């Protein structure tokens, strides 16, 4: 779960919003359960900057689909 927290915090910093807002958005579309956790092995080898950029893109795409 520490990695999930890192993803949320890095994304919040990039978007300049609170981590609570990012967590709620991610939870609403299921990114934590269906993307971050299942793809941990690949994601954890990336830099925080790349992770945050990817999370923002993923979050925006998933929100558009819902």
Protein backbone atom coordinates (compact mmCIF):
# COMPACT_ATOMS: atom_id res chain seq x y z
CA UNK A 1 0.00 0.00 0.00
CA UNK A 2 2.97 2.34 0.38
CA UNK A 3 3.37 2.33 -3.39
CA UNK A 4 -0.30 3.23 -3.86
CA UNK A 5 0.20 6.17 -1.48
CA UNK A 6 3.25 7.25 -3.48
CA UNK A 7 1.22 7.19 -6.69
CA UNK A 8 -1.55 9.24 -5.12
CA UNK A 9 0.80 11.80 -3.57
CA UNK A 10 2.89 12.23 -6.73
CA UNK A 11 -0.26 12.69 -8.81
CA UNK A 12 -1.67 15.21 -6.34
CA UNK A 13 1.58 17.20 -6.44
CA UNK A 14 1.57 17.27 -10.23
CA UNK A 15 -2.07 18.40 -10.34
CA UNK A 16 -1.55 20.81 -7.42
CA UNK A 17 -4.53 19.40 -5.53
CA UNK A 18 -4.92 17.53 -2.26
CA UNK A 19 -4.10 13.85 -2.05
CA UNK A 20 -7.62 13.30 -0.71
CA UNK A 21 -9.11 14.62 -3.95
CA UNK A 22 -6.87 12.40 -6.05
CA UNK A 23 -7.65 9.37 -3.88
CA UNK A 24 -11.39 9.94 -4.25
CA UNK A 25 -11.10 10.34 -8.03
CA UNK A 26 -8.96 7.20 -8.33
CA UNK A 27 -11.27 5.22 -6.07
CA UNK A 28 -14.35 6.31 -8.02
CA UNK A 29 -13.02 4.95 -11.34
CA UNK A 30 -11.19 1.94 -9.86
CA UNK A 31 -7.62 2.80 -10.83
CA UNK A 32 -6.16 1.61 -7.54
CA UNK A 33 -7.68 -1.88 -7.71
CA UNK A 34 -7.64 -2.36 -11.47
CA UNK A 35 -4.46 -0.58 -12.55
CA UNK A 36 -1.98 0.36 -9.83
CA UNK A 37 -2.03 -2.85 -7.80
CA UNK A 38 -2.14 -5.30 -10.74
CA UNK A 39 0.67 -3.43 -12.56
CA UNK A 40 2.87 -2.82 -9.53
CA UNK A 41 5.83 -4.75 -10.96
CA UNK A 42 6.02 -2.49 -14.03
CA UNK A 43 5.04 0.78 -12.38
CA UNK A 44 7.38 0.67 -9.39
CA UNK A 45 10.41 0.69 -11.66
CA UNK A 46 9.42 4.10 -13.07
CA UNK A 47 10.41 7.50 -11.67
CA UNK A 48 7.86 9.36 -9.57
CA UNK A 49 7.56 11.95 -12.32
CA UNK A 50 6.74 9.33 -14.94
CA UNK A 51 4.32 7.61 -12.60
CA UNK A 52 2.51 10.88 -11.86
CA UNK A 53 2.28 11.80 -15.54
CA UNK A 54 0.95 8.35 -16.38
CA UNK A 55 -1.55 8.45 -13.52
CA UNK A 56 -2.90 11.83 -14.65
CA UNK A 57 -3.34 10.55 -18.19
CA UNK A 58 -4.93 7.31 -16.99
CA UNK A 59 -7.20 9.10 -14.53
CA UNK A 60 -8.42 11.55 -17.15
CA UNK A 61 -9.07 8.74 -19.66
CA UNK A 62 -10.90 6.56 -17.15
CA UNK A 63 -13.03 9.47 -15.96
CA UNK A 64 -14.04 10.23 -19.55
CA UNK A 65 -15.14 6.62 -20.01
CA UNK A 66 -17.35 6.58 -16.89
